[in-house]
Amino acid sequence: MVKVGDKIRIIHMNGEPQYNGKTGIVKHIDDIGQIHGSWCGCALIPSVDEYEIVED
């Protein structure tokens, strides 16, 4: 389960192909579970979008 501070890589963001492959740090998880981070713009929706936690 992803948490604030994790580094993630976006594999596929539904309807937003320009975000595929971007990495960033999780900054906030809102009340409905959307993941916001330093990749800018759109939030990830865990039940729709595909991402992975990146280990440093």
PDB file of N, CA and C in Angstrom:
ATOM      1  N   MET A   1       0.842  -1.180   0.000  1.00  0.00           N
ATOM      2  CA  MET A   1       0.000   0.000   0.000  1.00  0.00           C
ATOM      3  C   MET A   1       0.888   1.245   0.000  1.00  0.00           C
ATOM      4  N   VAL A   2       0.591   2.166  -0.870  1.00  0.00           N
ATOM      5  CA  VAL A   2       1.383   3.387  -1.011  1.00  0.00           C
ATOM      6  C   VAL A   2       1.083   4.350   0.142  1.00  0.00           C
ATOM      7  N   LYS A   3       2.106   5.110   0.539  1.00  0.00           N
ATOM      8  CA  LYS A   3       1.934   6.095   1.604  1.00  0.00           C
ATOM      9  C   LYS A   3       2.681   7.376   1.259  1.00  0.00           C
ATOM     10  N   VAL A   4       2.342   8.447   1.940  1.00  0.00           N
ATOM     11  CA  VAL A   4       3.010   9.731   1.732  1.00  0.00           C
ATOM     12  C   VAL A   4       4.517   9.540   1.928  1.00  0.00           C
ATOM     13  N   GLY A   5       5.287  10.092   1.004  1.00  0.00           N
ATOM     14  CA  GLY A   5       6.741   9.980   1.053  1.00  0.00           C
ATOM     15  C   GLY A   5       7.304   8.898   0.152  1.00  0.00           C
ATOM     16  N   ASP A   6       6.466   7.954  -0.290  1.00  0.00           N
ATOM     17  CA  ASP A   6       6.936   6.905  -1.203  1.00  0.00           C
ATOM     18  C   ASP A   6       7.277   7.505  -2.565  1.00  0.00           C
ATOM     19  N   LYS A   7       8.277   6.933  -3.214  1.00  0.00           N
ATOM     20  CA  LYS A   7       8.596   7.283  -4.596  1.00  0.00           C
ATOM     21  C   LYS A   7       7.900   6.272  -5.482  1.00  0.00           C
ATOM     22  N   ILE A   8       7.160   6.759  -6.487  1.00  0.00           N
ATOM     23  CA  ILE A   8       6.450   5.855  -7.367  1.00  0.00           C
ATOM     24  C   ILE A   8       6.746   6.171  -8.826  1.00  0.00           C
ATOM     25  N   ARG A   9       6.528   5.161  -9.665  1.00  0.00           N
ATOM     26  CA  ARG A   9       6.617   5.301 -11.117  1.00  0.00           C
ATOM     27  C   ARG A   9       5.238   5.013 -11.677  1.00  0.00           C
ATOM     28  N   ILE A  10       4.749   5.923 -12.497  1.00  0.00           N
ATOM     29  CA  ILE A  10       3.450   5.731 -13.133  1.00  0.00           C
ATOM     30  C   ILE A  10       3.652   4.834 -14.348  1.00  0.00           C
ATOM     31  N   ILE A  11       2.969   3.716 -14.357  1.00  0.00           N
ATOM     32  CA  ILE A  11       3.033   2.790 -15.489  1.00  0.00           C
ATOM     33  C   ILE A  11       1.974   3.179 -16.513  1.00  0.00           C
ATOM     34  N   HIS A  12       0.757   3.410 -16.040  1.00  0.00           N
ATOM     35  CA  HIS A  12      -0.336   3.811 -16.939  1.00  0.00           C
ATOM     36  C   HIS A  12      -1.340   4.658 -16.157  1.00  0.00           C
ATOM     37  N   MET A  13      -1.597   5.870 -16.646  1.00  0.00           N
ATOM     38  CA  MET A  13      -2.639   6.722 -16.076  1.00  0.00           C
ATOM     39  C   MET A  13      -3.741   6.826 -17.119  1.00  0.00           C
ATOM     40  N   ASN A  14      -4.909   6.319 -16.793  1.00  0.00           N
ATOM     41  CA  ASN A  14      -6.037   6.268 -17.710  1.00  0.00           C
ATOM     42  C   ASN A  14      -6.383   7.645 -18.269  1.00  0.00           C
ATOM     43  N   GLY A  15      -6.330   7.774 -19.579  1.00  0.00           N
ATOM     44  CA  GLY A  15      -6.682   9.027 -20.241  1.00  0.00           C
ATOM     45  C   GLY A  15      -5.619  10.104 -20.208  1.00  0.00           C
ATOM     46  N   GLU A  16      -4.471   9.828 -19.619  1.00  0.00           N
ATOM     47  CA  GLU A  16      -3.392  10.812 -19.489  1.00  0.00           C
ATOM     48  C   GLU A  16      -2.053  10.180 -19.866  1.00  0.00           C
ATOM     49  N   PRO A  17      -1.853   9.826 -21.147  1.00  0.00           N
ATOM     50  CA  PRO A  17      -0.640   9.092 -21.539  1.00  0.00           C
ATOM     51  C   PRO A  17       0.655   9.881 -21.318  1.00  0.00           C
ATOM     52  N   GLN A  18       0.582  11.191 -21.227  1.00  0.00           N
ATOM     53  CA  GLN A  18       1.791  11.997 -21.002  1.00  0.00           C
ATOM     54  C   GLN A  18       2.408  11.738 -19.619  1.00  0.00           C
ATOM     55  N   TYR A  19       1.675  11.111 -18.707  1.00  0.00           N
ATOM     56  CA  TYR A  19       2.207  10.800 -17.380  1.00  0.00           C
ATOM     57  C   TYR A  19       2.857   9.428 -17.313  1.00  0.00           C
ATOM     58  N   ASN A  20       2.620   8.579 -18.303  1.00  0.00           N
ATOM     59  CA  ASN A  20       3.190   7.230 -18.279  1.00  0.00           C
ATOM     60  C   ASN A  20       4.716   7.298 -18.243  1.00  0.00           C
ATOM     61  N   GLY A  21       5.309   6.585 -17.282  1.00  0.00           N
ATOM     62  CA  GLY A  21       6.757   6.553 -17.131  1.00  0.00           C
ATOM     63  C   GLY A  21       7.309   7.594 -16.178  1.00  0.00           C
ATOM     64  N   LYS A  22       6.500   8.560 -15.768  1.00  0.00           N
ATOM     65  CA  LYS A  22       6.991   9.596 -14.847  1.00  0.00           C
ATOM     66  C   LYS A  22       7.153   9.017 -13.453  1.00  0.00           C
ATOM     67  N   THR A  23       8.098   9.568 -12.721  1.00  0.00           N
ATOM     68  CA  THR A  23       8.285   9.201 -11.325  1.00  0.00           C
ATOM     69  C   THR A  23       8.054  10.434 -10.466  1.00  0.00           C
ATOM     70  N   GLY A  24       7.737  10.205  -9.218  1.00  0.00           N
ATOM     71  CA  GLY A  24       7.535  11.316  -8.298  1.00  0.00           C
ATOM     72  C   GLY A  24       7.344  10.808  -6.882  1.00  0.00           C
ATOM     73  N   ILE A  25       7.248  11.753  -5.968  1.00  0.00           N
ATOM     74  CA  ILE A  25       7.058  11.465  -4.554  1.00  0.00           C
ATOM     75  C   ILE A  25       5.600  11.719  -4.190  1.00  0.00           C
ATOM     76  N   VAL A  26       5.000  10.794  -3.459  1.00  0.00           N
ATOM     77  CA  VAL A  26       3.624  10.959  -3.004  1.00  0.00           C
ATOM     78  C   VAL A  26       3.591  12.067  -1.958  1.00  0.00           C
ATOM     79  N   LYS A  27       2.789  13.101  -2.231  1.00  0.00           N
ATOM     80  CA  LYS A  27       2.680  14.258  -1.335  1.00  0.00           C
ATOM     81  C   LYS A  27       1.427  14.220  -0.475  1.00  0.00           C
ATOM     82  N   HIS A  28       0.353  13.608  -0.997  1.00  0.00           N
ATOM     83  CA  HIS A  28      -0.929  13.641  -0.299  1.00  0.00           C
ATOM     84  C   HIS A  28      -1.822  12.528  -0.834  1.00  0.00           C
ATOM     85  N   ILE A  29      -2.568  11.918   0.054  1.00  0.00           N
ATOM     86  CA  ILE A  29      -3.616  10.970  -0.340  1.00  0.00           C
ATOM     87  C   ILE A  29      -4.914  11.545   0.205  1.00  0.00           C
ATOM     88  N   ASP A  30      -5.850  11.856  -0.697  1.00  0.00           N
ATOM     89  CA  ASP A  30      -7.066  12.542  -0.262  1.00  0.00           C
ATOM     90  C   ASP A  30      -8.079  11.575   0.351  1.00  0.00           C
ATOM     91  N   ASP A  31      -9.206  12.140   0.792  1.00  0.00           N
ATOM     92  CA  ASP A  31     -10.219  11.374   1.514  1.00  0.00           C
ATOM     93  C   ASP A  31     -10.842  10.243   0.698  1.00  0.00           C
ATOM     94  N   ILE A  32     -10.789  10.336  -0.627  1.00  0.00           N
ATOM     95  CA  ILE A  32     -11.353   9.255  -1.450  1.00  0.00           C
ATOM     96  C   ILE A  32     -10.261   8.338  -2.007  1.00  0.00           C
ATOM     97  N   GLY A  33      -9.024   8.510  -1.522  1.00  0.00           N
ATOM     98  CA  GLY A  33      -7.937   7.604  -1.867  1.00  0.00           C
ATOM     99  C   GLY A  33      -7.119   7.957  -3.090  1.00  0.00           C
ATOM    100  N   GLN A  34      -7.401   9.106  -3.722  1.00  0.00           N
ATOM    101  CA  GLN A  34      -6.596   9.517  -4.873  1.00  0.00           C
ATOM    102  C   GLN A  34      -5.215   9.944  -4.387  1.00  0.00           C
ATOM    103  N   ILE A  35      -4.211   9.618  -5.193  1.00  0.00           N
ATOM    104  CA  ILE A  35      -2.813   9.853  -4.823  1.00  0.00           C
ATOM    105  C   ILE A  35      -2.295  11.070  -5.576  1.00  0.00           C
ATOM    106  N   HIS A  36      -1.835  12.066  -4.830  1.00  0.00           N
ATOM    107  CA  HIS A  36      -1.298  13.295  -5.401  1.00  0.00           C
ATOM    108  C   HIS A  36       0.201  13.325  -5.141  1.00  0.00           C
ATOM    109  N   GLY A  37       0.966  13.839  -6.120  1.00  0.00           N
ATOM    110  CA  GLY A  37       2.407  13.827  -5.935  1.00  0.00           C
ATOM    111  C   GLY A  37       3.136  14.845  -6.765  1.00  0.00           C
ATOM    112  N   SER A  38       4.450  14.731  -6.747  1.00  0.00           N
ATOM    113  CA  SER A  38       5.336  15.702  -7.385  1.00  0.00           C
ATOM    114  C   SER A  38       5.429  15.533  -8.899  1.00  0.00           C
ATOM    115  N   TRP A  39       4.680  14.615  -9.487  1.00  0.00           N
ATOM    116  CA  TRP A  39       4.668  14.458 -10.958  1.00  0.00           C
ATOM    117  C   TRP A  39       3.809  15.533 -11.601  1.00  0.00           C
ATOM    118  N   CYS A  40       3.129  16.326 -10.802  1.00  0.00           N
ATOM    119  CA  CYS A  40       2.317  17.481 -11.225  1.00  0.00           C
ATOM    120  C   CYS A  40       0.993  17.061 -11.848  1.00  0.00           C
ATOM    121  N   GLY A  41       0.057  17.946 -11.746  1.00  0.00           N
ATOM    122  CA  GLY A  41      -1.219  17.761 -12.431  1.00  0.00           C
ATOM    123  C   GLY A  41      -2.140  16.747 -11.808  1.00  0.00           C
ATOM    124  N   CYS A  42      -2.426  15.709 -12.525  1.00  0.00           N
ATOM    125  CA  CYS A  42      -3.465  14.741 -12.186  1.00  0.00           C
ATOM    126  C   CYS A  42      -3.095  13.855 -10.996  1.00  0.00           C
ATOM    127  N   ALA A  43      -4.145  13.431 -10.301  1.00  0.00           N
ATOM    128  CA  ALA A  43      -3.982  12.469  -9.210  1.00  0.00           C
ATOM    129  C   ALA A  43      -4.153  11.057  -9.763  1.00  0.00           C
ATOM    130  N   LEU A  44      -3.469  10.109  -9.151  1.00  0.00           N
ATOM    131  CA  LEU A  44      -3.639   8.707  -9.495  1.00  0.00           C
ATOM    132  C   LEU A  44      -4.863   8.154  -8.774  1.00  0.00           C
ATOM    133  N   ILE A  45      -5.599   7.315  -9.478  1.00  0.00           N
ATOM    134  CA  ILE A  45      -6.743   6.634  -8.887  1.00  0.00           C
ATOM    135  C   ILE A  45      -6.360   5.162  -8.778  1.00  0.00           C
ATOM    136  N   PRO A  46      -6.131   4.672  -7.554  1.00  0.00           N
ATOM    137  CA  PRO A  46      -5.609   3.312  -7.394  1.00  0.00           C
ATOM    138  C   PRO A  46      -6.414   2.218  -8.071  1.00  0.00           C
ATOM    139  N   SER A  47      -7.721   2.332  -8.142  1.00  0.00           N
ATOM    140  CA  SER A  47      -8.534   1.277  -8.751  1.00  0.00           C
ATOM    141  C   SER A  47      -8.543   1.336 -10.285  1.00  0.00           C
ATOM    142  N   VAL A  48      -7.978   2.423 -10.851  1.00  0.00           N
ATOM    143  CA  VAL A  48      -8.013   2.636 -12.306  1.00  0.00           C
ATOM    144  C   VAL A  48      -6.611   2.682 -12.909  1.00  0.00           C
ATOM    145  N   ASP A  49      -5.712   3.402 -12.266  1.00  0.00           N
ATOM    146  CA  ASP A  49      -4.370   3.648 -12.796  1.00  0.00           C
ATOM    147  C   ASP A  49      -3.385   2.606 -12.278  1.00  0.00           C
ATOM    148  N   GLU A  50      -2.296   2.440 -13.028  1.00  0.00           N
ATOM    149  CA  GLU A  50      -1.269   1.463 -12.661  1.00  0.00           C
ATOM    150  C   GLU A  50       0.024   2.195 -12.324  1.00  0.00           C
ATOM    151  N   TYR A  51       0.615   1.828 -11.192  1.00  0.00           N
ATOM    152  CA  TYR A  51       1.863   2.444 -10.728  1.00  0.00           C
ATOM    153  C   TYR A  51       2.608   1.436  -9.875  1.00  0.00           C
ATOM    154  N   GLU A  52       3.883   1.738  -9.612  1.00  0.00           N
ATOM    155  CA  GLU A  52       4.678   0.874  -8.745  1.00  0.00           C
ATOM    156  C   GLU A  52       5.501   1.720  -7.808  1.00  0.00           C
ATOM    157  N   ILE A  53       5.746   1.190  -6.631  1.00  0.00           N
ATOM    158  CA  ILE A  53       6.625   1.850  -5.673  1.00  0.00           C
ATOM    159  C   ILE A  53       8.054   1.571  -6.105  1.00  0.00           C
ATOM    160  N   VAL A  54       8.876   2.616  -6.145  1.00  0.00           N
ATOM    161  CA  VAL A  54      10.261   2.498  -6.569  1.00  0.00           C
ATOM    162  C   VAL A  54      11.150   2.467  -5.325  1.00  0.00           C
ATOM    163  N   GLU A  55      11.939   1.439  -5.224  1.00  0.00           N
ATOM    164  CA  GLU A  55      12.891   1.317  -4.102  1.00  0.00           C
ATOM    165  C   GLU A  55      14.197   1.990  -4.503  1.00  0.00           C
ATOM    166  N   ASP A  56      14.703   2.830  -3.633  1.00  0.00           N
ATOM    167  CA  ASP A  56      15.987   3.495  -3.905  1.00  0.00           C
ATOM    168  C   ASP A  56      17.153   2.621  -3.564  1.00  0.00           C
TER     169      ASP A  56
END
